[in-house]
Amino acid sequence: MKKSVNAENAPAAVGPYVHAVEAGGLIFTSGQLGLHPTEGTLPEGVEAQTHQSLKNLAAVLEAAGSDLDHVVKTTVFLDNINDFAAVNAIYAEYFQKEVPARSCVEVSKLPKGGLVEIEAIAVKKA
């Protein structure tokens, strides 16, 4: 059985999809851009967008019954791989306990002109 999740405290999806899907105790999130949740705008710079992307991811996970501490895998999409160190430093602020497995790739473009997008797989909190 699967259950769709939409988070009130995260920006609206920019396409025909939901924020996350829960299936078998796992939560699969859609990629989270650094969009401001109420304004729908991107802040200036990769650092600000990374912070907002992770805040949006946390809001989606909370709505699905999980949190960043329960993330087992992330994928980070960067508009420019040269931003890897800056994104990595901010990412480390949000994942301080047991860090999840992660992939990080450069892509040619992200929706809305974003500089970073992060998706995750998490386990539901007990």
PDB file of N, CA and C in Angstrom:
ATOM      1  N   MET A   1       0.845  -1.183   0.000  1.00  0.00           N
ATOM      2  CA  MET A   1       0.000   0.000   0.000  1.00  0.00           C
ATOM      3  C   MET A   1       0.889   1.244   0.000  1.00  0.00           C
ATOM      4  N   LYS A   2       0.504   2.231  -0.764  1.00  0.00           N
ATOM      5  CA  LYS A   2       1.251   3.479  -0.765  1.00  0.00           C
ATOM      6  C   LYS A   2       0.326   4.636  -0.428  1.00  0.00           C
ATOM      7  N   LYS A   3       0.940   5.667   0.160  1.00  0.00           N
ATOM      8  CA  LYS A   3       0.184   6.833   0.593  1.00  0.00           C
ATOM      9  C   LYS A   3       0.900   8.088   0.111  1.00  0.00           C
ATOM     10  N   SER A   4       0.172   8.957  -0.576  1.00  0.00           N
ATOM     11  CA  SER A   4       0.735  10.225  -1.037  1.00  0.00           C
ATOM     12  C   SER A   4       0.757  11.224   0.103  1.00  0.00           C
ATOM     13  N   VAL A   5       1.790  12.064   0.118  1.00  0.00           N
ATOM     14  CA  VAL A   5       1.951  13.076   1.168  1.00  0.00           C
ATOM     15  C   VAL A   5       2.198  14.423   0.515  1.00  0.00           C
ATOM     16  N   ASN A   6       1.455  15.423   0.939  1.00  0.00           N
ATOM     17  CA  ASN A   6       1.720  16.807   0.564  1.00  0.00           C
ATOM     18  C   ASN A   6       1.880  17.605   1.852  1.00  0.00           C
ATOM     19  N   ALA A   7       2.939  18.381   1.914  1.00  0.00           N
ATOM     20  CA  ALA A   7       3.264  19.137   3.121  1.00  0.00           C
ATOM     21  C   ALA A   7       2.784  20.575   2.994  1.00  0.00           C
ATOM     22  N   GLU A   8       2.081  21.040   4.005  1.00  0.00           N
ATOM     23  CA  GLU A   8       1.594  22.427   3.999  1.00  0.00           C
ATOM     24  C   GLU A   8       2.729  23.430   4.151  1.00  0.00           C
ATOM     25  N   ASN A   9       3.824  23.033   4.816  1.00  0.00           N
ATOM     26  CA  ASN A   9       4.924  23.955   5.095  1.00  0.00           C
ATOM     27  C   ASN A   9       6.052  23.886   4.080  1.00  0.00           C
ATOM     28  N   ALA A  10       5.794  23.283   2.935  1.00  0.00           N
ATOM     29  CA  ALA A  10       6.778  23.213   1.856  1.00  0.00           C
ATOM     30  C   ALA A  10       6.171  23.867   0.623  1.00  0.00           C
ATOM     31  N   PRO A  11       7.011  24.330  -0.297  1.00  0.00           N
ATOM     32  CA  PRO A  11       6.471  24.952  -1.509  1.00  0.00           C
ATOM     33  C   PRO A  11       5.624  23.965  -2.305  1.00  0.00           C
ATOM     34  N   ALA A  12       4.656  24.466  -2.986  1.00  0.00           N
ATOM     35  CA  ALA A  12       3.817  23.617  -3.840  1.00  0.00           C
ATOM     36  C   ALA A  12       4.684  22.965  -4.908  1.00  0.00           C
ATOM     37  N   ALA A  13       4.305  21.765  -5.284  1.00  0.00           N
ATOM     38  CA  ALA A  13       5.020  21.064  -6.352  1.00  0.00           C
ATOM     39  C   ALA A  13       4.941  21.891  -7.631  1.00  0.00           C
ATOM     40  N   VAL A  14       6.020  21.871  -8.411  1.00  0.00           N
ATOM     41  CA  VAL A  14       6.038  22.651  -9.657  1.00  0.00           C
ATOM     42  C   VAL A  14       5.605  21.811 -10.854  1.00  0.00           C
ATOM     43  N   GLY A  15       5.011  20.655 -10.579  1.00  0.00           N
ATOM     44  CA  GLY A  15       4.535  19.774 -11.629  1.00  0.00           C
ATOM     45  C   GLY A  15       3.487  18.827 -11.091  1.00  0.00           C
ATOM     46  N   PRO A  16       3.088  17.856 -11.893  1.00  0.00           N
ATOM     47  CA  PRO A  16       2.045  16.907 -11.483  1.00  0.00           C
ATOM     48  C   PRO A  16       2.605  15.766 -10.621  1.00  0.00           C
ATOM     49  N   TYR A  17       2.985  16.096  -9.399  1.00  0.00           N
ATOM     50  CA  TYR A  17       3.509  15.101  -8.471  1.00  0.00           C
ATOM     51  C   TYR A  17       3.247  15.550  -7.040  1.00  0.00           C
ATOM     52  N   VAL A  18       3.490  14.661  -6.097  1.00  0.00           N
ATOM     53  CA  VAL A  18       3.297  14.950  -4.674  1.00  0.00           C
ATOM     54  C   VAL A  18       4.654  15.169  -4.025  1.00  0.00           C
ATOM     55  N   HIS A  19       4.637  15.703  -2.807  1.00  0.00           N
ATOM     56  CA  HIS A  19       5.884  15.934  -2.083  1.00  0.00           C
ATOM     57  C   HIS A  19       6.599  14.637  -1.735  1.00  0.00           C
ATOM     58  N   ALA A  20       5.825  13.610  -1.391  1.00  0.00           N
ATOM     59  CA  ALA A  20       6.430  12.335  -0.993  1.00  0.00           C
ATOM     60  C   ALA A  20       5.408  11.228  -1.121  1.00  0.00           C
ATOM     61  N   VAL A  21       5.936  10.009  -1.120  1.00  0.00           N
ATOM     62  CA  VAL A  21       5.092   8.818  -1.100  1.00  0.00           C
ATOM     63  C   VAL A  21       5.638   7.900  -0.016  1.00  0.00           C
ATOM     64  N   GLU A  22       4.725   7.416   0.831  1.00  0.00           N
ATOM     65  CA  GLU A  22       5.107   6.445   1.847  1.00  0.00           C
ATOM     66  C   GLU A  22       4.677   5.075   1.356  1.00  0.00           C
ATOM     67  N   ALA A  23       5.594   4.126   1.442  1.00  0.00           N
ATOM     68  CA  ALA A  23       5.301   2.756   1.028  1.00  0.00           C
ATOM     69  C   ALA A  23       6.142   1.810   1.871  1.00  0.00           C
ATOM     70  N   GLY A  24       5.487   0.903   2.555  1.00  0.00           N
ATOM     71  CA  GLY A  24       6.198  -0.105   3.328  1.00  0.00           C
ATOM     72  C   GLY A  24       7.102   0.456   4.402  1.00  0.00           C
ATOM     73  N   GLY A  25       6.718   1.545   5.036  1.00  0.00           N
ATOM     74  CA  GLY A  25       7.531   2.141   6.097  1.00  0.00           C
ATOM     75  C   GLY A  25       8.653   3.030   5.599  1.00  0.00           C
ATOM     76  N   LEU A  26       8.793   3.148   4.273  1.00  0.00           N
ATOM     77  CA  LEU A  26       9.791   4.045   3.696  1.00  0.00           C
ATOM     78  C   LEU A  26       9.097   5.269   3.107  1.00  0.00           C
ATOM     79  N   ILE A  27       9.778   6.383   3.151  1.00  0.00           N
ATOM     80  CA  ILE A  27       9.262   7.627   2.592  1.00  0.00           C
ATOM     81  C   ILE A  27      10.205   8.053   1.471  1.00  0.00           C
ATOM     82  N   PHE A  28       9.654   8.223   0.290  1.00  0.00           N
ATOM     83  CA  PHE A  28      10.409   8.648  -0.884  1.00  0.00           C
ATOM     84  C   PHE A  28       9.979  10.075  -1.201  1.00  0.00           C
ATOM     85  N   THR A  29      10.889  11.027  -1.063  1.00  0.00           N
ATOM     86  CA  THR A  29      10.508  12.414  -1.317  1.00  0.00           C
ATOM     87  C   THR A  29      10.788  12.797  -2.762  1.00  0.00           C
ATOM     88  N   SER A  30      10.034  13.748  -3.236  1.00  0.00           N
ATOM     89  CA  SER A  30      10.360  14.402  -4.496  1.00  0.00           C
ATOM     90  C   SER A  30      11.521  15.345  -4.219  1.00  0.00           C
ATOM     91  N   GLY A  31      12.222  15.737  -5.263  1.00  0.00           N
ATOM     92  CA  GLY A  31      13.311  16.686  -5.090  1.00  0.00           C
ATOM     93  C   GLY A  31      12.788  18.012  -4.570  1.00  0.00           C
ATOM     94  N   GLN A  32      13.542  18.582  -3.641  1.00  0.00           N
ATOM     95  CA  GLN A  32      13.160  19.856  -3.048  1.00  0.00           C
ATOM     96  C   GLN A  32      14.139  20.934  -3.486  1.00  0.00           C
ATOM     97  N   LEU A  33      13.615  21.882  -4.244  1.00  0.00           N
ATOM     98  CA  LEU A  33      14.387  23.065  -4.611  1.00  0.00           C
ATOM     99  C   LEU A  33      14.466  23.988  -3.402  1.00  0.00           C
ATOM    100  N   GLY A  34      15.226  25.037  -3.517  1.00  0.00           N
ATOM    101  CA  GLY A  34      15.324  26.020  -2.449  1.00  0.00           C
ATOM    102  C   GLY A  34      14.265  27.095  -2.533  1.00  0.00           C
ATOM    103  N   LEU A  35      13.076  26.740  -3.004  1.00  0.00           N
ATOM    104  CA  LEU A  35      11.979  27.716  -3.108  1.00  0.00           C
ATOM    105  C   LEU A  35      11.452  28.101  -1.735  1.00  0.00           C
ATOM    106  N   HIS A  36      11.183  29.385  -1.555  1.00  0.00           N
ATOM    107  CA  HIS A  36      10.532  29.850  -0.326  1.00  0.00           C
ATOM    108  C   HIS A  36       9.125  29.269  -0.309  1.00  0.00           C
ATOM    109  N   PRO A  37       8.691  28.668   0.809  1.00  0.00           N
ATOM    110  CA  PRO A  37       7.415  27.951   0.837  1.00  0.00           C
ATOM    111  C   PRO A  37       6.174  28.789   0.540  1.00  0.00           C
ATOM    112  N   THR A  38       6.148  30.042   0.939  1.00  0.00           N
ATOM    113  CA  THR A  38       4.944  30.844   0.709  1.00  0.00           C
ATOM    114  C   THR A  38       5.069  31.770  -0.492  1.00  0.00           C
ATOM    115  N   GLU A  39       6.267  32.247  -0.751  1.00  0.00           N
ATOM    116  CA  GLU A  39       6.454  33.182  -1.864  1.00  0.00           C
ATOM    117  C   GLU A  39       6.722  32.471  -3.190  1.00  0.00           C
ATOM    118  N   GLY A  40       7.248  31.243  -3.127  1.00  0.00           N
ATOM    119  CA  GLY A  40       7.555  30.503  -4.346  1.00  0.00           C
ATOM    120  C   GLY A  40       8.738  31.051  -5.117  1.00  0.00           C
ATOM    121  N   THR A  41       9.586  31.832  -4.433  1.00  0.00           N
ATOM    122  CA  THR A  41      10.754  32.413  -5.082  1.00  0.00           C
ATOM    123  C   THR A  41      12.022  31.725  -4.597  1.00  0.00           C
ATOM    124  N   LEU A  42      13.060  31.809  -5.408  1.00  0.00           N
ATOM    125  CA  LEU A  42      14.365  31.263  -5.033  1.00  0.00           C
ATOM    126  C   LEU A  42      15.226  32.361  -4.430  1.00  0.00           C
ATOM    127  N   PRO A  43      15.831  32.094  -3.278  1.00  0.00           N
ATOM    128  CA  PRO A  43      16.761  33.096  -2.738  1.00  0.00           C
ATOM    129  C   PRO A  43      18.012  33.170  -3.613  1.00  0.00           C
ATOM    130  N   GLU A  44      18.772  34.214  -3.442  1.00  0.00           N
ATOM    131  CA  GLU A  44      19.991  34.428  -4.213  1.00  0.00           C
ATOM    132  C   GLU A  44      21.118  33.555  -3.676  1.00  0.00           C
ATOM    133  N   GLY A  45      21.772  32.835  -4.560  1.00  0.00           N
ATOM    134  CA  GLY A  45      22.973  32.099  -4.202  1.00  0.00           C
ATOM    135  C   GLY A  45      22.745  30.653  -3.788  1.00  0.00           C
ATOM    136  N   VAL A  46      23.757  29.825  -4.045  1.00  0.00           N
ATOM    137  CA  VAL A  46      23.645  28.396  -3.762  1.00  0.00           C
ATOM    138  C   VAL A  46      23.563  28.107  -2.264  1.00  0.00           C
ATOM    139  N   GLU A  47      24.220  28.908  -1.434  1.00  0.00           N
ATOM    140  CA  GLU A  47      24.169  28.677   0.011  1.00  0.00           C
ATOM    141  C   GLU A  47      22.750  28.856   0.536  1.00  0.00           C
ATOM    142  N   ALA A  48      22.129  29.972   0.186  1.00  0.00           N
ATOM    143  CA  ALA A  48      20.762  30.247   0.646  1.00  0.00           C
ATOM    144  C   ALA A  48      19.784  29.212   0.091  1.00  0.00           C
ATOM    145  N   GLN A  49      19.967  28.811  -1.157  1.00  0.00           N
ATOM    146  CA  GLN A  49      19.081  27.805  -1.741  1.00  0.00           C
ATOM    147  C   GLN A  49      19.281  26.441  -1.088  1.00  0.00           C
ATOM    148  N   THR A  50      20.505  26.108  -0.704  1.00  0.00           N
ATOM    149  CA  THR A  50      20.756  24.832  -0.032  1.00  0.00           C
ATOM    150  C   THR A  50      20.076  24.804   1.328  1.00  0.00           C
ATOM    151  N   HIS A  51      20.214  25.873   2.092  1.00  0.00           N
ATOM    152  CA  HIS A  51      19.523  25.943   3.391  1.00  0.00           C
ATOM    153  C   HIS A  51      18.017  25.760   3.201  1.00  0.00           C
ATOM    154  N   GLN A  52      17.436  26.481   2.238  1.00  0.00           N
ATOM    155  CA  GLN A  52      15.987  26.403   2.042  1.00  0.00           C
ATOM    156  C   GLN A  52      15.570  25.036   1.520  1.00  0.00           C
ATOM    157  N   SER A  53      16.359  24.458   0.646  1.00  0.00           N
ATOM    158  CA  SER A  53      16.061  23.119   0.141  1.00  0.00           C
ATOM    159  C   SER A  53      15.996  22.112   1.287  1.00  0.00           C
ATOM    160  N   LEU A  54      16.946  22.189   2.214  1.00  0.00           N
ATOM    161  CA  LEU A  54      16.965  21.261   3.346  1.00  0.00           C
ATOM    162  C   LEU A  54      15.831  21.552   4.327  1.00  0.00           C
ATOM    163  N   LYS A  55      15.467  22.809   4.491  1.00  0.00           N
ATOM    164  CA  LYS A  55      14.300  23.150   5.325  1.00  0.00           C
ATOM    165  C   LYS A  55      13.026  22.603   4.689  1.00  0.00           C
ATOM    166  N   ASN A  56      12.917  22.709   3.363  1.00  0.00           N
ATOM    167  CA  ASN A  56      11.755  22.169   2.660  1.00  0.00           C
ATOM    168  C   ASN A  56      11.712  20.651   2.785  1.00  0.00           C
ATOM    169  N   LEU A  57      12.863  20.015   2.658  1.00  0.00           N
ATOM    170  CA  LEU A  57      12.942  18.563   2.816  1.00  0.00           C
ATOM    171  C   LEU A  57      12.496  18.154   4.219  1.00  0.00           C
ATOM    172  N   ALA A  58      12.942  18.890   5.225  1.00  0.00           N
ATOM    173  CA  ALA A  58      12.540  18.599   6.607  1.00  0.00           C
ATOM    174  C   ALA A  58      11.027  18.740   6.782  1.00  0.00           C
ATOM    175  N   ALA A  59      10.432  19.755   6.166  1.00  0.00           N
ATOM    176  CA  ALA A  59       8.976  19.954   6.264  1.00  0.00           C
ATOM    177  C   ALA A  59       8.225  18.804   5.603  1.00  0.00           C
ATOM    178  N   VAL A  60       8.707  18.333   4.468  1.00  0.00           N
ATOM    179  CA  VAL A  60       8.071  17.208   3.774  1.00  0.00           C
ATOM    180  C   VAL A  60       8.176  15.948   4.626  1.00  0.00           C
ATOM    181  N   LEU A  61       9.352  15.698   5.169  1.00  0.00           N
ATOM    182  CA  LEU A  61       9.535  14.512   6.009  1.00  0.00           C
ATOM    183  C   LEU A  61       8.650  14.560   7.249  1.00  0.00           C
ATOM    184  N   GLU A  62       8.533  15.732   7.863  1.00  0.00           N
ATOM    185  CA  GLU A  62       7.676  15.878   9.043  1.00  0.00           C
ATOM    186  C   GLU A  62       6.218  15.555   8.691  1.00  0.00           C
ATOM    187  N   ALA A  63       5.756  16.055   7.561  1.00  0.00           N
ATOM    188  CA  ALA A  63       4.380  15.785   7.136  1.00  0.00           C
ATOM    189  C   ALA A  63       4.157  14.296   6.878  1.00  0.00           C
ATOM    190  N   ALA A  64       5.231  13.590   6.550  1.00  0.00           N
ATOM    191  CA  ALA A  64       5.140  12.159   6.250  1.00  0.00           C
ATOM    192  C   ALA A  64       5.418  11.283   7.467  1.00  0.00           C
ATOM    193  N   GLY A  65       5.684  11.911   8.629  1.00  0.00           N
ATOM    194  CA  GLY A  65       5.936  11.145   9.841  1.00  0.00           C
ATOM    195  C   GLY A  65       7.383  10.746  10.034  1.00  0.00           C
ATOM    196  N   SER A  66       8.295  11.571   9.531  1.00  0.00           N
ATOM    197  CA  SER A  66       9.710  11.278   9.679  1.00  0.00           C
ATOM    198  C   SER A  66      10.463  12.581   9.923  1.00  0.00           C
ATOM    199  N   ASP A  67      11.776  12.524   9.838  1.00  0.00           N
ATOM    200  CA  ASP A  67      12.611  13.713   9.981  1.00  0.00           C
ATOM    201  C   ASP A  67      13.981  13.445   9.387  1.00  0.00           C
ATOM    202  N   LEU A  68      14.837  14.456   9.423  1.00  0.00           N
ATOM    203  CA  LEU A  68      16.159  14.321   8.821  1.00  0.00           C
ATOM    204  C   LEU A  68      16.998  13.232   9.485  1.00  0.00           C
ATOM    205  N   ASP A  69      16.779  12.977  10.773  1.00  0.00           N
ATOM    206  CA  ASP A  69      17.530  11.928  11.478  1.00  0.00           C
ATOM    207  C   ASP A  69      17.188  10.530  10.973  1.00  0.00           C
ATOM    208  N   HIS A  70      16.083  10.391  10.258  1.00  0.00           N
ATOM    209  CA  HIS A  70      15.656   9.087   9.763  1.00  0.00           C
ATOM    210  C   HIS A  70      15.906   8.900   8.262  1.00  0.00           C
ATOM    211  N   VAL A  71      16.649   9.822   7.666  1.00  0.00           N
ATOM    212  CA  VAL A  71      16.986   9.720   6.247  1.00  0.00           C
ATOM    213  C   VAL A  71      18.080   8.675   6.065  1.00  0.00           C
ATOM    214  N   VAL A  72      17.870   7.785   5.103  1.00  0.00           N
ATOM    215  CA  VAL A  72      18.869   6.745   4.821  1.00  0.00           C
ATOM    216  C   VAL A  72      19.627   6.999   3.522  1.00  0.00           C
ATOM    217  N   LYS A  73      19.083   7.827   2.622  1.00  0.00           N
ATOM    218  CA  LYS A  73      19.740   8.090   1.336  1.00  0.00           C
ATOM    219  C   LYS A  73      19.263   9.421   0.787  1.00  0.00           C
ATOM    220  N   THR A  74      20.189  10.199   0.275  1.00  0.00           N
ATOM    221  CA  THR A  74      19.826  11.437  -0.423  1.00  0.00           C
ATOM    222  C   THR A  74      20.492  11.453  -1.792  1.00  0.00           C
ATOM    223  N   THR A  75      19.909  12.242  -2.660  1.00  0.00           N
ATOM    224  CA  THR A  75      20.537  12.572  -3.930  1.00  0.00           C
ATOM    225  C   THR A  75      20.527  14.091  -4.035  1.00  0.00           C
ATOM    226  N   VAL A  76      21.698  14.656  -4.296  1.00  0.00           N
ATOM    227  CA  VAL A  76      21.851  16.097  -4.431  1.00  0.00           C
ATOM    228  C   VAL A  76      22.145  16.394  -5.906  1.00  0.00           C
ATOM    229  N   PHE A  77      21.345  17.267  -6.462  1.00  0.00           N
ATOM    230  CA  PHE A  77      21.522  17.693  -7.851  1.00  0.00           C
ATOM    231  C   PHE A  77      22.049  19.127  -7.833  1.00  0.00           C
ATOM    232  N   LEU A  78      23.180  19.348  -8.470  1.00  0.00           N
ATOM    233  CA  LEU A  78      23.783  20.680  -8.515  1.00  0.00           C
ATOM    234  C   LEU A  78      23.796  21.215  -9.940  1.00  0.00           C
ATOM    235  N   ASP A  79      23.488  22.485 -10.062  1.00  0.00           N
ATOM    236  CA  ASP A  79      23.599  23.166 -11.347  1.00  0.00           C
ATOM    237  C   ASP A  79      25.067  23.326 -11.736  1.00  0.00           C
ATOM    238  N   ASN A  80      25.946  23.401 -10.732  1.00  0.00           N
ATOM    239  CA  ASN A  80      27.377  23.577 -10.974  1.00  0.00           C
ATOM    240  C   ASN A  80      28.145  22.776  -9.929  1.00  0.00           C
ATOM    241  N   ILE A  81      28.875  21.755 -10.357  1.00  0.00           N
ATOM    242  CA  ILE A  81      29.604  20.888  -9.428  1.00  0.00           C
ATOM    243  C   ILE A  81      30.668  21.665  -8.649  1.00  0.00           C
ATOM    244  N   ASN A  82      31.053  22.836  -9.122  1.00  0.00           N
ATOM    245  CA  ASN A  82      31.997  23.671  -8.377  1.00  0.00           C
ATOM    246  C   ASN A  82      31.406  24.183  -7.073  1.00  0.00           C
ATOM    247  N   ASP A  83      30.087  24.064  -6.912  1.00  0.00           N
ATOM    248  CA  ASP A  83      29.419  24.443  -5.658  1.00  0.00           C
ATOM    249  C   ASP A  83      29.439  23.307  -4.638  1.00  0.00           C
ATOM    250  N   PHE A  84      30.072  22.185  -4.975  1.00  0.00           N
ATOM    251  CA  PHE A  84      30.069  20.996  -4.117  1.00  0.00           C
ATOM    252  C   PHE A  84      30.523  21.308  -2.694  1.00  0.00           C
ATOM    253  N   ALA A  85      31.644  21.996  -2.523  1.00  0.00           N
ATOM    254  CA  ALA A  85      32.172  22.275  -1.183  1.00  0.00           C
ATOM    255  C   ALA A  85      31.214  23.146  -0.368  1.00  0.00           C
ATOM    256  N   ALA A  86      30.658  24.162  -0.984  1.00  0.00           N
ATOM    257  CA  ALA A  86      29.730  25.051  -0.266  1.00  0.00           C
ATOM    258  C   ALA A  86      28.476  24.296   0.152  1.00  0.00           C
ATOM    259  N   VAL A  87      27.922  23.490  -0.747  1.00  0.00           N
ATOM    260  CA  VAL A  87      26.727  22.705  -0.435  1.00  0.00           C
ATOM    261  C   VAL A  87      27.048  21.664   0.634  1.00  0.00           C
ATOM    262  N   ASN A  88      28.204  21.039   0.520  1.00  0.00           N
ATOM    263  CA  ASN A  88      28.619  20.022   1.480  1.00  0.00           C
ATOM    264  C   ASN A  88      28.688  20.585   2.899  1.00  0.00           C
ATOM    265  N   ALA A  89      29.237  21.774   3.050  1.00  0.00           N
ATOM    266  CA  ALA A  89      29.367  22.399   4.369  1.00  0.00           C
ATOM    267  C   ALA A  89      27.996  22.647   4.991  1.00  0.00           C
ATOM    268  N   ILE A  90      27.055  23.125   4.196  1.00  0.00           N
ATOM    269  CA  ILE A  90      25.697  23.377   4.712  1.00  0.00           C
ATOM    270  C   ILE A  90      24.985  22.067   4.979  1.00  0.00           C
ATOM    271  N   TYR A  91      25.104  21.116   4.087  1.00  0.00           N
ATOM    272  CA  TYR A  91      24.500  19.788   4.244  1.00  0.00           C
ATOM    273  C   TYR A  91      24.923  19.170   5.579  1.00  0.00           C
ATOM    274  N   ALA A  92      26.199  19.312   5.924  1.00  0.00           N
ATOM    275  CA  ALA A  92      26.730  18.745   7.168  1.00  0.00           C
ATOM    276  C   ALA A  92      26.076  19.360   8.412  1.00  0.00           C
ATOM    277  N   GLU A  93      25.583  20.584   8.319  1.00  0.00           N
ATOM    278  CA  GLU A  93      24.884  21.223   9.439  1.00  0.00           C
ATOM    279  C   GLU A  93      23.551  20.530   9.735  1.00  0.00           C
ATOM    280  N   TYR A  94      22.918  19.973   8.720  1.00  0.00           N
ATOM    281  CA  TYR A  94      21.593  19.366   8.854  1.00  0.00           C
ATOM    282  C   TYR A  94      21.656  17.874   9.147  1.00  0.00           C
ATOM    283  N   PHE A  95      22.744  17.227   8.771  1.00  0.00           N
ATOM    284  CA  PHE A  95      22.917  15.790   9.016  1.00  0.00           C
ATOM    285  C   PHE A  95      24.137  15.613   9.909  1.00  0.00           C
ATOM    286  N   GLN A  96      23.914  15.653  11.242  1.00  0.00           N
ATOM    287  CA  GLN A  96      25.017  15.600  12.187  1.00  0.00           C
ATOM    288  C   GLN A  96      25.127  14.273  12.928  1.00  0.00           C
ATOM    289  N   LYS A  97      24.056  13.522  12.993  1.00  0.00           N
ATOM    290  CA  LYS A  97      24.116  12.233  13.700  1.00  0.00           C
ATOM    291  C   LYS A  97      24.692  11.206  12.741  1.00  0.00           C
ATOM    292  N   GLU A  98      23.967  10.164  12.457  1.00  0.00           N
ATOM    293  CA  GLU A  98      24.407   9.195  11.467  1.00  0.00           C
ATOM    294  C   GLU A  98      24.043   9.739  10.090  1.00  0.00           C
ATOM    295  N   VAL A  99      25.054  10.068   9.313  1.00  0.00           N
ATOM    296  CA  VAL A  99      24.801  10.662   8.004  1.00  0.00           C
ATOM    297  C   VAL A  99      24.279   9.603   7.041  1.00  0.00           C
ATOM    298  N   PRO A 100      23.369   9.998   6.159  1.00  0.00           N
ATOM    299  CA  PRO A 100      22.824   9.042   5.192  1.00  0.00           C
ATOM    300  C   PRO A 100      23.799   8.791   4.039  1.00  0.00           C
ATOM    301  N   ALA A 101      23.554   7.727   3.305  1.00  0.00           N
ATOM    302  CA  ALA A 101      24.256   7.525   2.044  1.00  0.00           C
ATOM    303  C   ALA A 101      23.841   8.661   1.117  1.00  0.00           C
ATOM    304  N   ARG A 102      24.715   8.997   0.163  1.00  0.00           N
ATOM    305  CA  ARG A 102      24.395  10.145  -0.693  1.00  0.00           C
ATOM    306  C   ARG A 102      25.043  10.013  -2.053  1.00  0.00           C
ATOM    307  N   SER A 103      24.346  10.500  -3.045  1.00  0.00           N
ATOM    308  CA  SER A 103      24.904  10.711  -4.369  1.00  0.00           C
ATOM    309  C   SER A 103      24.817  12.199  -4.646  1.00  0.00           C
ATOM    310  N   CYS A 104      25.766  12.722  -5.396  1.00  0.00           N
ATOM    311  CA  CYS A 104      25.747  14.132  -5.770  1.00  0.00           C
ATOM    312  C   CYS A 104      26.168  14.217  -7.228  1.00  0.00           C
ATOM    313  N   VAL A 105      25.325  14.842  -8.042  1.00  0.00           N
ATOM    314  CA  VAL A 105      25.612  14.939  -9.467  1.00  0.00           C
ATOM    315  C   VAL A 105      25.357  16.354  -9.980  1.00  0.00           C
ATOM    316  N   GLU A 106      26.090  16.706 -11.013  1.00  0.00           N
ATOM    317  CA  GLU A 106      25.830  17.964 -11.711  1.00  0.00           C
ATOM    318  C   GLU A 106      24.837  17.681 -12.829  1.00  0.00           C
ATOM    319  N   VAL A 107      23.879  18.569 -12.973  1.00  0.00           N
ATOM    320  CA  VAL A 107      22.884  18.459 -14.038  1.00  0.00           C
ATOM    321  C   VAL A 107      22.951  19.721 -14.899  1.00  0.00           C
ATOM    322  N   SER A 108      22.418  19.639 -16.108  1.00  0.00           N
ATOM    323  CA  SER A 108      22.522  20.795 -16.993  1.00  0.00           C
ATOM    324  C   SER A 108      21.618  21.943 -16.556  1.00  0.00           C
ATOM    325  N   LYS A 109      20.451  21.618 -16.017  1.00  0.00           N
ATOM    326  CA  LYS A 109      19.530  22.651 -15.541  1.00  0.00           C
ATOM    327  C   LYS A 109      18.595  22.048 -14.505  1.00  0.00           C
ATOM    328  N   LEU A 110      18.119  22.892 -13.610  1.00  0.00           N
ATOM    329  CA  LEU A 110      17.107  22.505 -12.628  1.00  0.00           C
ATOM    330  C   LEU A 110      15.863  23.360 -12.847  1.00  0.00           C
ATOM    331  N   PRO A 111      14.696  22.873 -12.433  1.00  0.00           N
ATOM    332  CA  PRO A 111      13.475  23.659 -12.594  1.00  0.00           C
ATOM    333  C   PRO A 111      13.594  25.042 -11.948  1.00  0.00           C
ATOM    334  N   LYS A 112      12.925  25.991 -12.550  1.00  0.00           N
ATOM    335  CA  LYS A 112      12.834  27.361 -12.041  1.00  0.00           C
ATOM    336  C   LYS A 112      14.190  28.060 -11.938  1.00  0.00           C
ATOM    337  N   GLY A 113      15.227  27.496 -12.571  1.00  0.00           N
ATOM    338  CA  GLY A 113      16.556  28.097 -12.491  1.00  0.00           C
ATOM    339  C   GLY A 113      17.256  27.831 -11.172  1.00  0.00           C
ATOM    340  N   GLY A 114      16.819  26.801 -10.462  1.00  0.00           N
ATOM    341  CA  GLY A 114      17.426  26.459  -9.186  1.00  0.00           C
ATOM    342  C   GLY A 114      18.889  26.072  -9.327  1.00  0.00           C
ATOM    343  N   LEU A 115      19.621  26.234  -8.242  1.00  0.00           N
ATOM    344  CA  LEU A 115      21.040  25.892  -8.212  1.00  0.00           C
ATOM    345  C   LEU A 115      21.291  24.556  -7.521  1.00  0.00           C
ATOM    346  N   VAL A 116      20.323  24.109  -6.715  1.00  0.00           N
ATOM    347  CA  VAL A 116      20.452  22.851  -5.990  1.00  0.00           C
ATOM    348  C   VAL A 116      19.062  22.258  -5.763  1.00  0.00           C
ATOM    349  N   GLU A 117      18.985  20.943  -5.799  1.00  0.00           N
ATOM    350  CA  GLU A 117      17.749  20.224  -5.500  1.00  0.00           C
ATOM    351  C   GLU A 117      18.156  18.961  -4.745  1.00  0.00           C
ATOM    352  N   ILE A 118      17.409  18.632  -3.687  1.00  0.00           N
ATOM    353  CA  ILE A 118      17.747  17.471  -2.856  1.00  0.00           C
ATOM    354  C   ILE A 118      16.517  16.604  -2.665  1.00  0.00           C
ATOM    355  N   GLU A 119      16.691  15.290  -2.903  1.00  0.00           N
ATOM    356  CA  GLU A 119      15.626  14.320  -2.641  1.00  0.00           C
ATOM    357  C   GLU A 119      16.146  13.324  -1.623  1.00  0.00           C
ATOM    358  N   ALA A 120      15.224  12.597  -0.977  1.00  0.00           N
ATOM    359  CA  ALA A 120      15.630  11.671   0.080  1.00  0.00           C
ATOM    360  C   ALA A 120      14.736  10.446   0.149  1.00  0.00           C
ATOM    361  N   ILE A 121      15.294   9.421   0.749  1.00  0.00           N
ATOM    362  CA  ILE A 121      14.549   8.248   1.175  1.00  0.00           C
ATOM    363  C   ILE A 121      14.755   8.158   2.677  1.00  0.00           C
ATOM    364  N   ALA A 122      13.667   8.033   3.417  1.00  0.00           N
ATOM    365  CA  ALA A 122      13.739   7.985   4.877  1.00  0.00           C
ATOM    366  C   ALA A 122      12.868   6.855   5.401  1.00  0.00           C
ATOM    367  N   VAL A 123      13.111   6.467   6.635  1.00  0.00           N
ATOM    368  CA  VAL A 123      12.232   5.522   7.302  1.00  0.00           C
ATOM    369  C   VAL A 123      11.262   6.315   8.176  1.00  0.00           C
ATOM    370  N   LYS A 124      10.087   5.783   8.328  1.00  0.00           N
ATOM    371  CA  LYS A 124       9.078   6.424   9.167  1.00  0.00           C
ATOM    372  C   LYS A 124       9.505   6.297  10.628  1.00  0.00           C
ATOM    373  N   LYS A 125       9.281   7.345  11.420  1.00  0.00           N
ATOM    374  CA  LYS A 125       9.592   7.289  12.845  1.00  0.00           C
ATOM    375  C   LYS A 125       8.678   6.273  13.522  1.00  0.00           C
ATOM    376  N   ALA A 126       9.233   5.602  14.514  1.00  0.00           N
ATOM    377  CA  ALA A 126       8.443   4.595  15.256  1.00  0.00           C
ATOM    378  C   ALA A 126       7.449   5.262  16.177  1.00  0.00           C
TER     379      ALA A 126
END
